[in-house]
Amino acid sequence: MQRNIITTADGSKTIHIQEWDEHYHSIHGAIQEANHVFIKHGLLFFVEQFTQQPIKIFEIGFGTGLNALLTLLNAKQLNVTVDYVGVEAYPITNQEIEALNYSEQLLVNKKDDTFNKLHECTWEENHNITPEFTLTKQKKFFNDIEDKNTYNLIYFDAFGAKVQPELWTEDIFKIMYNALKPDGVLVTYSAKGSVRRAMIAVGFLVEKLPGPPGKREMLRARKGT
């Protein structure tokens, strides 16, 4: 499947899958979207609501590593500890990693190799990246996830329902619901009615929120106590 690196509206890069005409991040701004959906309405929301640490975060679609990098940087600023697990069935290549400009856009020291460290970590092992951030990458399909009552926060960043509708079903969201601890939170860029209904059907309490640039709305779901 042909993948190309493109520049989004905020100057940050993303990957475009030609066959699907699908992007890993929004063309209206990769960093803007990740900050809005996963940091502002995910991590920052959770930190404001709860004091529990470490915060156990589960990313569905590790992809470019952008969400992980932003979480690492914010964990340091917030002085919170994060235990981060990212699931990815098809890791990106070294060539693609080198072409992404997130270090240039986000890190003060341009020689900082934190972004590369995230990708260099061996799979299925826990790694201490910074004092505030540990990372485990799991290479698996989403329907193979079997975690129960494990995570505080899920970043649901799968490819869109138009190209992979099977990732946005009640079956998948039941897996997500089971993986969360009571009072756990799931955030996603999607606001499709079918996605919202699937979340509600498995027990989530769902709210619509203003979306990032280029999208009117997004969803945040909570698991009850």
N, C-alpha and C. Protein backbone atom coordinates (compact mmCIF):
# COMPACT_ATOMS: atom_id res chain seq x y z
N MET A 1 0.85 -1.19 0.00
CA MET A 1 0.00 0.00 0.00
C MET A 1 0.89 1.25 0.00
N GLN A 2 0.71 2.11 -0.99
CA GLN A 2 1.57 3.29 -1.16
C GLN A 2 1.27 4.34 -0.10
N ARG A 3 2.33 4.81 0.60
CA ARG A 3 2.18 5.85 1.61
C ARG A 3 3.15 6.98 1.30
N ASN A 4 2.65 8.22 1.38
CA ASN A 4 3.46 9.39 1.10
C ASN A 4 3.42 10.35 2.28
N ILE A 5 4.50 11.10 2.46
CA ILE A 5 4.55 12.13 3.49
C ILE A 5 4.04 13.44 2.90
N ILE A 6 3.09 14.09 3.58
CA ILE A 6 2.59 15.38 3.12
C ILE A 6 2.67 16.39 4.26
N THR A 7 2.63 17.68 3.91
CA THR A 7 2.63 18.75 4.91
C THR A 7 1.20 19.23 5.13
N THR A 8 0.77 19.31 6.40
CA THR A 8 -0.58 19.76 6.73
C THR A 8 -0.60 21.27 6.94
N ALA A 9 -1.78 21.81 7.19
CA ALA A 9 -1.98 23.26 7.23
C ALA A 9 -1.19 23.97 8.32
N ASP A 10 -0.85 23.27 9.41
CA ASP A 10 -0.08 23.93 10.47
C ASP A 10 1.43 23.73 10.31
N GLY A 11 1.84 23.16 9.18
CA GLY A 11 3.26 22.96 8.90
C GLY A 11 3.80 21.62 9.33
N SER A 12 3.03 20.86 10.10
CA SER A 12 3.48 19.54 10.54
C SER A 12 3.14 18.49 9.49
N LYS A 13 3.90 17.42 9.49
CA LYS A 13 3.76 16.38 8.47
C LYS A 13 2.75 15.31 8.90
N THR A 14 2.24 14.60 7.93
CA THR A 14 1.48 13.39 8.19
C THR A 14 1.71 12.42 7.04
N ILE A 15 1.12 11.24 7.17
CA ILE A 15 1.26 10.21 6.14
C ILE A 15 -0.06 10.06 5.41
N HIS A 16 0.02 10.01 4.08
CA HIS A 16 -1.16 9.83 3.24
C HIS A 16 -1.12 8.44 2.62
N ILE A 17 -2.22 7.67 2.76
CA ILE A 17 -2.34 6.36 2.12
C ILE A 17 -3.07 6.56 0.80
N GLN A 18 -2.35 6.39 -0.27
CA GLN A 18 -2.90 6.70 -1.59
C GLN A 18 -4.11 5.86 -1.94
N GLU A 19 -4.02 4.57 -1.69
CA GLU A 19 -5.08 3.64 -2.10
C GLU A 19 -6.42 3.99 -1.45
N TRP A 20 -6.38 4.44 -0.21
CA TRP A 20 -7.60 4.77 0.53
C TRP A 20 -7.93 6.26 0.48
N ASP A 21 -6.98 7.08 0.05
CA ASP A 21 -7.08 8.54 0.18
C ASP A 21 -7.37 8.90 1.64
N GLU A 22 -6.59 8.30 2.53
CA GLU A 22 -6.76 8.48 3.98
C GLU A 22 -5.46 8.99 4.58
N HIS A 23 -5.57 9.84 5.60
CA HIS A 23 -4.40 10.42 6.25
C HIS A 23 -4.30 9.95 7.70
N TYR A 24 -3.07 9.83 8.20
CA TYR A 24 -2.87 9.46 9.60
C TYR A 24 -3.36 10.57 10.54
N HIS A 25 -3.22 11.82 10.11
CA HIS A 25 -3.67 12.97 10.90
C HIS A 25 -4.37 13.95 9.97
N SER A 26 -5.06 14.91 10.56
CA SER A 26 -5.84 15.86 9.77
C SER A 26 -4.96 16.71 8.86
N ILE A 27 -5.42 16.90 7.62
CA ILE A 27 -4.69 17.78 6.69
C ILE A 27 -4.84 19.24 7.11
N HIS A 28 -5.77 19.52 8.01
CA HIS A 28 -5.95 20.89 8.51
C HIS A 28 -4.95 21.23 9.62
N GLY A 29 -4.11 20.26 9.97
CA GLY A 29 -3.09 20.47 10.99
C GLY A 29 -2.91 19.25 11.86
N ALA A 30 -1.87 18.49 11.61
CA ALA A 30 -1.65 17.25 12.36
C ALA A 30 -1.46 17.52 13.85
N ILE A 31 -0.57 18.45 14.18
CA ILE A 31 -0.30 18.75 15.59
C ILE A 31 -1.51 19.42 16.22
N GLN A 32 -2.16 20.34 15.50
CA GLN A 32 -3.35 21.00 16.03
C GLN A 32 -4.44 19.99 16.40
N GLU A 33 -4.67 19.03 15.51
CA GLU A 33 -5.70 18.02 15.77
C GLU A 33 -5.35 17.17 16.98
N ALA A 34 -4.10 16.69 17.04
CA ALA A 34 -3.70 15.83 18.16
C ALA A 34 -3.79 16.57 19.49
N ASN A 35 -3.37 17.83 19.50
CA ASN A 35 -3.45 18.63 20.72
C ASN A 35 -4.90 18.84 21.16
N HIS A 36 -5.75 19.11 20.22
CA HIS A 36 -7.15 19.41 20.53
C HIS A 36 -7.89 18.17 21.03
N VAL A 37 -7.79 17.09 20.28
CA VAL A 37 -8.58 15.89 20.59
C VAL A 37 -8.01 15.12 21.77
N PHE A 38 -6.72 14.80 21.70
CA PHE A 38 -6.16 13.85 22.67
C PHE A 38 -5.54 14.51 23.89
N ILE A 39 -4.95 15.68 23.72
CA ILE A 39 -4.35 16.36 24.87
C ILE A 39 -5.39 17.21 25.60
N LYS A 40 -5.99 18.18 24.92
CA LYS A 40 -6.94 19.08 25.59
C LYS A 40 -8.15 18.33 26.15
N HIS A 41 -8.81 17.53 25.31
CA HIS A 41 -10.05 16.88 25.73
C HIS A 41 -9.83 15.48 26.30
N GLY A 42 -8.58 15.01 26.29
CA GLY A 42 -8.26 13.72 26.87
C GLY A 42 -7.39 13.86 28.10
N LEU A 43 -6.10 14.06 27.91
CA LEU A 43 -5.15 14.12 29.02
C LEU A 43 -5.46 15.25 30.00
N LEU A 44 -5.61 16.48 29.50
CA LEU A 44 -5.85 17.61 30.39
C LEU A 44 -7.19 17.47 31.12
N PHE A 45 -8.19 16.99 30.41
CA PHE A 45 -9.49 16.75 31.05
C PHE A 45 -9.35 15.75 32.19
N PHE A 46 -8.63 14.66 31.95
CA PHE A 46 -8.49 13.63 32.99
C PHE A 46 -7.73 14.17 34.19
N VAL A 47 -6.65 14.89 33.93
CA VAL A 47 -5.85 15.45 35.03
C VAL A 47 -6.68 16.41 35.88
N GLU A 48 -7.54 17.20 35.23
CA GLU A 48 -8.39 18.13 35.97
C GLU A 48 -9.44 17.42 36.82
N GLN A 49 -9.88 16.25 36.35
CA GLN A 49 -10.96 15.54 37.03
C GLN A 49 -10.47 14.60 38.14
N PHE A 50 -9.28 14.03 37.97
CA PHE A 50 -8.82 12.97 38.86
C PHE A 50 -7.37 13.22 39.28
N THR A 51 -7.00 12.65 40.42
CA THR A 51 -5.64 12.79 40.93
C THR A 51 -4.82 11.51 40.76
N GLN A 52 -5.46 10.47 40.24
CA GLN A 52 -4.80 9.16 40.16
C GLN A 52 -3.53 9.22 39.30
N GLN A 53 -2.45 8.62 39.84
CA GLN A 53 -1.20 8.50 39.09
C GLN A 53 -0.57 7.14 39.41
N PRO A 54 0.17 6.55 38.48
CA PRO A 54 0.34 7.06 37.12
C PRO A 54 -0.96 6.96 36.32
N ILE A 55 -1.08 7.81 35.32
CA ILE A 55 -2.21 7.75 34.41
C ILE A 55 -1.89 6.70 33.35
N LYS A 56 -2.74 5.71 33.26
CA LYS A 56 -2.51 4.64 32.28
C LYS A 56 -3.29 4.97 31.01
N ILE A 57 -2.53 5.21 29.94
CA ILE A 57 -3.12 5.62 28.66
C ILE A 57 -2.93 4.51 27.62
N PHE A 58 -4.00 4.27 26.88
CA PHE A 58 -4.02 3.24 25.84
C PHE A 58 -4.29 3.92 24.51
N GLU A 59 -3.33 3.88 23.60
CA GLU A 59 -3.54 4.49 22.28
C GLU A 59 -3.89 3.43 21.26
N ILE A 60 -5.03 3.61 20.62
CA ILE A 60 -5.49 2.68 19.59
C ILE A 60 -5.08 3.26 18.25
N GLY A 61 -3.93 2.81 17.78
CA GLY A 61 -3.34 3.32 16.54
C GLY A 61 -2.11 4.16 16.83
N PHE A 62 -1.00 3.53 17.25
CA PHE A 62 0.21 4.27 17.61
C PHE A 62 0.74 5.09 16.44
N GLY A 63 0.67 4.52 15.23
CA GLY A 63 0.95 5.27 14.00
C GLY A 63 2.27 6.02 13.98
N THR A 64 2.18 7.33 13.83
CA THR A 64 3.38 8.16 13.69
C THR A 64 4.08 8.43 15.01
N GLY A 65 3.41 8.16 16.12
CA GLY A 65 3.99 8.47 17.43
C GLY A 65 3.74 9.89 17.89
N LEU A 66 2.98 10.68 17.11
CA LEU A 66 2.73 12.08 17.46
C LEU A 66 1.97 12.20 18.78
N ASN A 67 0.92 11.42 18.96
CA ASN A 67 0.15 11.51 20.19
C ASN A 67 0.99 11.14 21.41
N ALA A 68 1.85 10.15 21.24
CA ALA A 68 2.73 9.74 22.34
C ALA A 68 3.71 10.86 22.68
N LEU A 69 4.30 11.50 21.67
CA LEU A 69 5.26 12.58 21.91
C LEU A 69 4.59 13.75 22.62
N LEU A 70 3.42 14.14 22.17
CA LEU A 70 2.71 15.25 22.81
C LEU A 70 2.35 14.91 24.26
N THR A 71 1.97 13.66 24.51
CA THR A 71 1.64 13.24 25.87
C THR A 71 2.87 13.29 26.76
N LEU A 72 4.00 12.82 26.24
CA LEU A 72 5.26 12.86 26.98
C LEU A 72 5.61 14.30 27.36
N LEU A 73 5.52 15.21 26.42
CA LEU A 73 5.87 16.61 26.68
C LEU A 73 4.92 17.24 27.70
N ASN A 74 3.64 16.92 27.60
CA ASN A 74 2.66 17.49 28.52
C ASN A 74 2.77 16.87 29.91
N ALA A 75 3.14 15.61 29.98
CA ALA A 75 3.33 14.97 31.29
C ALA A 75 4.41 15.68 32.07
N LYS A 76 5.48 16.07 31.39
CA LYS A 76 6.55 16.81 32.06
C LYS A 76 6.05 18.17 32.54
N GLN A 77 5.32 18.89 31.70
CA GLN A 77 4.82 20.21 32.07
C GLN A 77 3.83 20.14 33.22
N LEU A 78 3.01 19.10 33.23
CA LEU A 78 1.98 18.94 34.25
C LEU A 78 2.50 18.29 35.52
N ASN A 79 3.71 17.75 35.45
CA ASN A 79 4.30 17.02 36.58
C ASN A 79 3.43 15.83 36.98
N VAL A 80 3.01 15.07 35.97
CA VAL A 80 2.27 13.83 36.20
C VAL A 80 3.03 12.68 35.55
N THR A 81 2.81 11.48 36.04
CA THR A 81 3.45 10.31 35.45
C THR A 81 2.45 9.57 34.58
N VAL A 82 2.93 9.09 33.44
CA VAL A 82 2.08 8.41 32.47
C VAL A 82 2.69 7.06 32.10
N ASP A 83 1.86 6.04 32.17
CA ASP A 83 2.21 4.71 31.68
C ASP A 83 1.45 4.53 30.38
N TYR A 84 2.15 4.58 29.26
CA TYR A 84 1.54 4.68 27.93
C TYR A 84 1.70 3.37 27.17
N VAL A 85 0.59 2.86 26.65
CA VAL A 85 0.62 1.66 25.82
C VAL A 85 0.02 2.00 24.47
N GLY A 86 0.77 1.72 23.41
CA GLY A 86 0.30 2.00 22.06
C GLY A 86 0.17 0.73 21.26
N VAL A 87 -0.97 0.54 20.62
CA VAL A 87 -1.24 -0.64 19.80
C VAL A 87 -1.16 -0.27 18.33
N GLU A 88 -0.45 -1.06 17.57
CA GLU A 88 -0.29 -0.80 16.14
C GLU A 88 -0.08 -2.11 15.40
N ALA A 89 -0.89 -2.37 14.38
CA ALA A 89 -0.74 -3.59 13.60
C ALA A 89 0.29 -3.45 12.49
N TYR A 90 0.45 -2.22 11.97
CA TYR A 90 1.34 -2.00 10.84
C TYR A 90 2.25 -0.81 11.13
N PRO A 91 3.37 -1.03 11.81
CA PRO A 91 4.27 0.08 12.16
C PRO A 91 4.80 0.80 10.92
N ILE A 92 5.03 2.11 11.08
CA ILE A 92 5.60 2.87 9.97
C ILE A 92 7.08 2.54 9.82
N THR A 93 7.66 2.90 8.68
CA THR A 93 9.04 2.55 8.37
C THR A 93 10.02 3.58 8.92
N ASN A 94 11.28 3.21 8.99
CA ASN A 94 12.33 4.14 9.43
C ASN A 94 12.41 5.35 8.50
N GLN A 95 12.23 5.12 7.22
CA GLN A 95 12.26 6.23 6.25
C GLN A 95 11.13 7.22 6.53
N GLU A 96 9.97 6.71 6.87
CA GLU A 96 8.84 7.59 7.18
C GLU A 96 9.09 8.34 8.49
N ILE A 97 9.64 7.67 9.47
CA ILE A 97 9.96 8.32 10.75
C ILE A 97 10.90 9.51 10.52
N GLU A 98 11.92 9.30 9.71
CA GLU A 98 12.91 10.35 9.43
C GLU A 98 12.28 11.54 8.70
N ALA A 99 11.23 11.29 7.92
CA ALA A 99 10.61 12.36 7.13
C ALA A 99 9.62 13.19 7.94
N LEU A 100 9.18 12.69 9.07
CA LEU A 100 8.24 13.44 9.90
C LEU A 100 8.97 14.53 10.67
N ASN A 101 8.37 15.69 10.83
CA ASN A 101 9.08 16.85 11.38
C ASN A 101 8.61 17.24 12.78
N TYR A 102 8.13 16.28 13.56
CA TYR A 102 7.59 16.60 14.87
C TYR A 102 8.65 17.09 15.85
N SER A 103 9.85 16.56 15.75
CA SER A 103 10.93 17.05 16.62
C SER A 103 11.21 18.52 16.33
N GLU A 104 11.28 18.85 15.07
CA GLU A 104 11.53 20.23 14.65
C GLU A 104 10.42 21.17 15.12
N GLN A 105 9.19 20.69 15.09
CA GLN A 105 8.04 21.52 15.43
C GLN A 105 7.84 21.64 16.94
N LEU A 106 8.18 20.60 17.70
CA LEU A 106 7.76 20.54 19.10
C LEU A 106 8.88 20.61 20.13
N LEU A 107 10.09 20.24 19.76
CA LEU A 107 11.17 20.16 20.74
C LEU A 107 12.04 21.41 20.68
N VAL A 108 12.35 21.96 21.84
CA VAL A 108 13.18 23.18 21.91
C VAL A 108 14.58 22.89 21.38
N ASN A 109 15.14 21.79 21.82
CA ASN A 109 16.47 21.38 21.37
C ASN A 109 16.31 20.49 20.14
N LYS A 110 16.69 20.98 18.99
CA LYS A 110 16.48 20.26 17.75
C LYS A 110 17.31 18.97 17.67
N LYS A 111 18.29 18.83 18.57
CA LYS A 111 19.09 17.60 18.62
C LYS A 111 18.49 16.57 19.58
N ASP A 112 17.39 16.95 20.24
CA ASP A 112 16.71 16.05 21.15
C ASP A 112 16.21 14.83 20.36
N ASP A 113 16.56 13.63 20.79
CA ASP A 113 16.19 12.42 20.05
C ASP A 113 15.02 11.68 20.68
N THR A 114 14.22 12.39 21.49
CA THR A 114 13.10 11.75 22.17
C THR A 114 12.14 11.08 21.19
N PHE A 115 11.80 11.77 20.10
CA PHE A 115 10.86 11.21 19.13
C PHE A 115 11.40 9.92 18.55
N ASN A 116 12.69 9.90 18.21
CA ASN A 116 13.27 8.67 17.67
C ASN A 116 13.26 7.55 18.70
N LYS A 117 13.47 7.91 19.97
CA LYS A 117 13.46 6.89 21.03
C LYS A 117 12.12 6.16 21.10
N LEU A 118 11.04 6.91 20.88
CA LEU A 118 9.72 6.29 20.92
C LEU A 118 9.60 5.19 19.87
N HIS A 119 10.19 5.43 18.71
CA HIS A 119 10.11 4.46 17.62
C HIS A 119 11.17 3.36 17.73
N GLU A 120 12.26 3.67 18.38
CA GLU A 120 13.33 2.68 18.52
C GLU A 120 13.04 1.66 19.61
N CYS A 121 12.10 1.94 20.48
CA CYS A 121 11.75 1.00 21.55
C CYS A 121 11.33 -0.34 20.96
N THR A 122 11.84 -1.41 21.54
CA THR A 122 11.44 -2.75 21.10
C THR A 122 9.97 -2.99 21.47
N TRP A 123 9.32 -3.79 20.65
CA TRP A 123 7.90 -4.07 20.85
C TRP A 123 7.71 -5.07 22.00
N GLU A 124 6.57 -4.94 22.65
CA GLU A 124 6.12 -5.84 23.72
C GLU A 124 6.95 -5.71 25.00
N GLU A 125 7.72 -4.64 25.14
CA GLU A 125 8.51 -4.41 26.36
C GLU A 125 8.27 -3.00 26.87
N ASN A 126 8.34 -2.85 28.19
CA ASN A 126 8.15 -1.55 28.81
C ASN A 126 9.46 -0.79 28.85
N HIS A 127 9.42 0.49 28.44
CA HIS A 127 10.63 1.32 28.38
C HIS A 127 10.42 2.62 29.14
N ASN A 128 11.39 3.00 29.95
CA ASN A 128 11.38 4.30 30.62
C ASN A 128 11.99 5.32 29.67
N ILE A 129 11.17 6.21 29.15
CA ILE A 129 11.65 7.22 28.20
C ILE A 129 12.11 8.47 28.94
N THR A 130 11.30 8.93 29.88
CA THR A 130 11.65 10.06 30.76
C THR A 130 11.19 9.69 32.16
N PRO A 131 11.56 10.46 33.19
CA PRO A 131 11.08 10.16 34.54
C PRO A 131 9.55 10.15 34.64
N GLU A 132 8.88 10.89 33.74
CA GLU A 132 7.42 10.99 33.81
C GLU A 132 6.70 10.04 32.84
N PHE A 133 7.42 9.37 31.95
CA PHE A 133 6.75 8.69 30.84
C PHE A 133 7.39 7.34 30.54
N THR A 134 6.58 6.29 30.62
CA THR A 134 7.03 4.96 30.19
C THR A 134 6.17 4.53 29.00
N LEU A 135 6.76 3.72 28.12
CA LEU A 135 6.09 3.32 26.89
C LEU A 135 6.19 1.82 26.67
N THR A 136 5.06 1.24 26.30
CA THR A 136 5.01 -0.14 25.81
C THR A 136 4.28 -0.12 24.48
N LYS A 137 4.91 -0.66 23.45
CA LYS A 137 4.26 -0.77 22.15
C LYS A 137 3.86 -2.23 21.92
N GLN A 138 2.63 -2.41 21.49
CA GLN A 138 2.12 -3.76 21.22
C GLN A 138 1.74 -3.87 19.75
N LYS A 139 2.29 -4.87 19.09
CA LYS A 139 1.98 -5.09 17.68
C LYS A 139 0.86 -6.11 17.60
N LYS A 140 -0.35 -5.64 17.38
CA LYS A 140 -1.50 -6.54 17.34
C LYS A 140 -2.68 -5.84 16.67
N PHE A 141 -3.68 -6.62 16.33
CA PHE A 141 -4.92 -6.07 15.79
C PHE A 141 -5.82 -5.67 16.96
N PHE A 142 -6.66 -4.69 16.72
CA PHE A 142 -7.48 -4.14 17.80
C PHE A 142 -8.43 -5.18 18.39
N ASN A 143 -8.95 -6.09 17.55
CA ASN A 143 -9.89 -7.08 18.07
C ASN A 143 -9.20 -8.19 18.86
N ASP A 144 -7.87 -8.13 18.95
CA ASP A 144 -7.14 -9.10 19.78
C ASP A 144 -6.85 -8.55 21.18
N ILE A 145 -7.27 -7.33 21.46
CA ILE A 145 -7.05 -6.73 22.78
C ILE A 145 -7.92 -7.43 23.82
N GLU A 146 -7.31 -7.82 24.94
CA GLU A 146 -8.04 -8.56 25.97
C GLU A 146 -7.94 -7.91 27.35
N ASP A 147 -7.41 -6.68 27.44
CA ASP A 147 -7.23 -6.01 28.72
C ASP A 147 -8.59 -5.76 29.39
N LYS A 148 -8.61 -5.90 30.71
CA LYS A 148 -9.82 -5.65 31.50
C LYS A 148 -9.51 -4.67 32.63
N ASN A 149 -10.33 -3.61 32.75
CA ASN A 149 -10.20 -2.65 33.85
C ASN A 149 -8.75 -2.21 34.08
N THR A 150 -8.09 -1.81 33.01
CA THR A 150 -6.65 -1.54 33.05
C THR A 150 -6.31 -0.06 32.87
N TYR A 151 -7.03 0.65 32.02
CA TYR A 151 -6.60 1.99 31.59
C TYR A 151 -7.53 3.09 32.10
N ASN A 152 -6.93 4.26 32.32
CA ASN A 152 -7.70 5.44 32.70
C ASN A 152 -8.20 6.22 31.50
N LEU A 153 -7.45 6.15 30.40
CA LEU A 153 -7.72 7.01 29.25
C LEU A 153 -7.36 6.28 27.96
N ILE A 154 -8.26 6.33 27.01
CA ILE A 154 -8.00 5.73 25.69
C ILE A 154 -8.01 6.83 24.64
N TYR A 155 -6.94 6.86 23.83
CA TYR A 155 -6.90 7.68 22.63
C TYR A 155 -7.34 6.77 21.48
N PHE A 156 -8.54 6.97 20.98
CA PHE A 156 -9.02 6.12 19.88
C PHE A 156 -8.74 6.82 18.57
N ASP A 157 -7.63 6.43 17.92
CA ASP A 157 -7.13 7.14 16.74
C ASP A 157 -6.98 6.19 15.55
N ALA A 158 -7.99 5.34 15.38
CA ALA A 158 -7.99 4.41 14.25
C ALA A 158 -8.27 5.16 12.95
N PHE A 159 -7.97 4.51 11.83
CA PHE A 159 -8.34 5.10 10.54
C PHE A 159 -9.85 5.25 10.47
N GLY A 160 -10.31 6.21 9.65
CA GLY A 160 -11.72 6.57 9.62
C GLY A 160 -12.65 5.44 9.22
N ALA A 161 -13.90 5.59 9.64
CA ALA A 161 -14.92 4.57 9.38
C ALA A 161 -15.19 4.39 7.89
N LYS A 162 -14.90 5.40 7.08
CA LYS A 162 -15.17 5.27 5.64
C LYS A 162 -14.25 4.25 4.99
N VAL A 163 -13.05 4.03 5.58
CA VAL A 163 -12.11 3.07 4.99
C VAL A 163 -11.98 1.80 5.83
N GLN A 164 -12.20 1.90 7.15
CA GLN A 164 -12.15 0.72 8.01
C GLN A 164 -13.34 0.71 8.97
N PRO A 165 -14.55 0.52 8.44
CA PRO A 165 -15.75 0.55 9.29
C PRO A 165 -15.74 -0.50 10.38
N GLU A 166 -15.00 -1.59 10.17
CA GLU A 166 -14.96 -2.67 11.17
C GLU A 166 -14.29 -2.26 12.46
N LEU A 167 -13.56 -1.13 12.45
CA LEU A 167 -12.89 -0.65 13.66
C LEU A 167 -13.77 0.28 14.49
N TRP A 168 -14.99 0.54 14.02
CA TRP A 168 -15.87 1.50 14.68
C TRP A 168 -17.21 0.86 15.05
N THR A 169 -17.18 -0.38 15.42
CA THR A 169 -18.39 -1.16 15.69
C THR A 169 -18.62 -1.35 17.19
N GLU A 170 -19.80 -1.86 17.52
CA GLU A 170 -20.08 -2.19 18.92
C GLU A 170 -19.07 -3.19 19.46
N ASP A 171 -18.67 -4.15 18.65
CA ASP A 171 -17.70 -5.16 19.11
C ASP A 171 -16.40 -4.52 19.56
N ILE A 172 -15.90 -3.56 18.78
CA ILE A 172 -14.64 -2.90 19.12
C ILE A 172 -14.83 -2.01 20.35
N PHE A 173 -15.93 -1.27 20.40
CA PHE A 173 -16.12 -0.38 21.55
C PHE A 173 -16.42 -1.14 22.83
N LYS A 174 -16.93 -2.36 22.72
CA LYS A 174 -17.07 -3.21 23.91
C LYS A 174 -15.69 -3.58 24.44
N ILE A 175 -14.76 -3.85 23.55
CA ILE A 175 -13.37 -4.14 23.96
C ILE A 175 -12.78 -2.92 24.66
N MET A 176 -13.05 -1.72 24.12
CA MET A 176 -12.55 -0.48 24.73
C MET A 176 -13.17 -0.27 26.10
N TYR A 177 -14.47 -0.49 26.20
CA TYR A 177 -15.19 -0.31 27.46
C TYR A 177 -14.61 -1.24 28.53
N ASN A 178 -14.39 -2.48 28.16
CA ASN A 178 -13.84 -3.46 29.11
C ASN A 178 -12.42 -3.11 29.52
N ALA A 179 -11.65 -2.50 28.61
CA ALA A 179 -10.25 -2.17 28.91
C ALA A 179 -10.11 -1.01 29.89
N LEU A 180 -11.13 -0.16 29.95
CA LEU A 180 -11.07 1.00 30.83
C LEU A 180 -11.41 0.65 32.27
N LYS A 181 -10.79 1.36 33.19
CA LYS A 181 -11.17 1.31 34.60
C LYS A 181 -12.47 2.09 34.79
N PRO A 182 -13.18 1.87 35.89
CA PRO A 182 -14.34 2.73 36.18
C PRO A 182 -13.93 4.20 36.18
N ASP A 183 -14.78 5.04 35.64
CA ASP A 183 -14.52 6.47 35.44
C ASP A 183 -13.51 6.73 34.34
N GLY A 184 -13.14 5.71 33.58
CA GLY A 184 -12.21 5.89 32.48
C GLY A 184 -12.83 6.69 31.34
N VAL A 185 -11.95 7.28 30.52
CA VAL A 185 -12.36 8.20 29.46
C VAL A 185 -11.80 7.73 28.12
N LEU A 186 -12.60 7.85 27.08
CA LEU A 186 -12.15 7.59 25.71
C LEU A 186 -12.42 8.84 24.87
N VAL A 187 -11.42 9.26 24.11
CA VAL A 187 -11.60 10.40 23.20
C VAL A 187 -11.25 9.98 21.78
N THR A 188 -11.98 10.54 20.82
CA THR A 188 -11.71 10.28 19.42
C THR A 188 -12.10 11.49 18.58
N TYR A 189 -11.47 11.60 17.43
CA TYR A 189 -11.75 12.71 16.52
C TYR A 189 -13.09 12.54 15.82
N SER A 190 -13.63 11.33 15.79
CA SER A 190 -14.86 11.05 15.06
C SER A 190 -16.07 11.58 15.80
N ALA A 191 -17.09 11.99 15.04
CA ALA A 191 -18.36 12.39 15.63
C ALA A 191 -19.54 11.79 14.85
N LYS A 192 -19.26 10.73 14.08
CA LYS A 192 -20.31 10.09 13.28
C LYS A 192 -21.43 9.57 14.19
N GLY A 193 -22.66 9.69 13.70
CA GLY A 193 -23.79 9.20 14.47
C GLY A 193 -23.70 7.71 14.76
N SER A 194 -23.24 6.93 13.79
CA SER A 194 -23.12 5.48 13.99
C SER A 194 -22.09 5.14 15.05
N VAL A 195 -21.02 5.95 15.13
CA VAL A 195 -19.99 5.73 16.14
C VAL A 195 -20.55 6.05 17.53
N ARG A 196 -21.23 7.18 17.63
CA ARG A 196 -21.83 7.57 18.91
C ARG A 196 -22.83 6.51 19.39
N ARG A 197 -23.64 6.01 18.47
CA ARG A 197 -24.64 4.99 18.85
C ARG A 197 -23.97 3.69 19.28
N ALA A 198 -22.89 3.32 18.62
CA ALA A 198 -22.17 2.11 19.01
C ALA A 198 -21.57 2.24 20.41
N MET A 199 -21.04 3.41 20.73
CA MET A 199 -20.49 3.66 22.06
C MET A 199 -21.58 3.56 23.13
N ILE A 200 -22.71 4.21 22.86
CA ILE A 200 -23.81 4.20 23.82
C ILE A 200 -24.34 2.78 24.03
N ALA A 201 -24.41 2.00 22.96
CA ALA A 201 -24.95 0.64 23.03
C ALA A 201 -24.15 -0.26 23.97
N VAL A 202 -22.83 0.00 24.12
CA VAL A 202 -22.02 -0.86 24.99
C VAL A 202 -21.88 -0.30 26.40
N GLY A 203 -22.51 0.86 26.66
CA GLY A 203 -22.54 1.37 28.02
C GLY A 203 -21.86 2.70 28.26
N PHE A 204 -21.22 3.28 27.25
CA PHE A 204 -20.54 4.56 27.43
C PHE A 204 -21.54 5.71 27.61
N LEU A 205 -21.13 6.69 28.40
CA LEU A 205 -21.81 7.98 28.46
C LEU A 205 -21.07 8.90 27.50
N VAL A 206 -21.73 9.38 26.48
CA VAL A 206 -21.05 10.05 25.36
C VAL A 206 -21.47 11.51 25.27
N GLU A 207 -20.47 12.37 25.03
CA GLU A 207 -20.76 13.78 24.80
C GLU A 207 -20.07 14.26 23.53
N LYS A 208 -20.74 15.17 22.83
CA LYS A 208 -20.14 15.81 21.67
C LYS A 208 -19.41 17.06 22.14
N LEU A 209 -18.24 17.28 21.56
CA LEU A 209 -17.44 18.46 21.88
C LEU A 209 -17.05 19.16 20.57
N PRO A 210 -16.69 20.44 20.64
CA PRO A 210 -16.21 21.12 19.44
C PRO A 210 -14.99 20.40 18.87
N GLY A 211 -14.96 20.23 17.57
CA GLY A 211 -13.86 19.51 16.95
C GLY A 211 -12.65 20.38 16.68
N PRO A 212 -11.57 19.77 16.21
CA PRO A 212 -10.37 20.52 15.83
C PRO A 212 -10.59 21.24 14.51
N PRO A 213 -9.64 22.06 14.07
CA PRO A 213 -9.80 22.73 12.78
C PRO A 213 -10.19 21.75 11.68
N GLY A 214 -11.22 22.12 10.92
CA GLY A 214 -11.66 21.27 9.83
C GLY A 214 -12.75 20.28 10.20
N LYS A 215 -13.06 20.16 11.51
CA LYS A 215 -14.12 19.26 11.96
C LYS A 215 -15.04 20.00 12.93
N ARG A 216 -16.33 19.82 12.74
CA ARG A 216 -17.29 20.54 13.58
C ARG A 216 -17.34 19.97 14.99
N GLU A 217 -17.27 18.63 15.11
CA GLU A 217 -17.43 17.99 16.41
C GLU A 217 -16.49 16.80 16.57
N MET A 218 -16.33 16.36 17.81
CA MET A 218 -15.59 15.15 18.18
C MET A 218 -16.37 14.51 19.32
N LEU A 219 -15.93 13.32 19.75
CA LEU A 219 -16.63 12.62 20.82
C LEU A 219 -15.72 12.33 22.00
N ARG A 220 -16.31 12.44 23.20
CA ARG A 220 -15.65 11.96 24.41
C ARG A 220 -16.63 11.05 25.15
N ALA A 221 -16.17 9.88 25.53
CA ALA A 221 -17.01 8.89 26.18
C ALA A 221 -16.44 8.54 27.55
N ARG A 222 -17.32 8.27 28.50
CA ARG A 222 -16.89 7.92 29.84
C ARG A 222 -17.53 6.61 30.27
N LYS A 223 -16.77 5.81 30.99
CA LYS A 223 -17.27 4.59 31.60
C LYS A 223 -17.72 4.91 33.01
N GLY A 224 -18.93 4.54 33.35
CA GLY A 224 -19.45 4.84 34.67
C GLY A 224 -18.73 4.08 35.77
N THR A 225 -19.00 4.46 37.01
CA THR A 225 -18.37 3.80 38.16
C THR A 225 -19.01 2.44 38.41
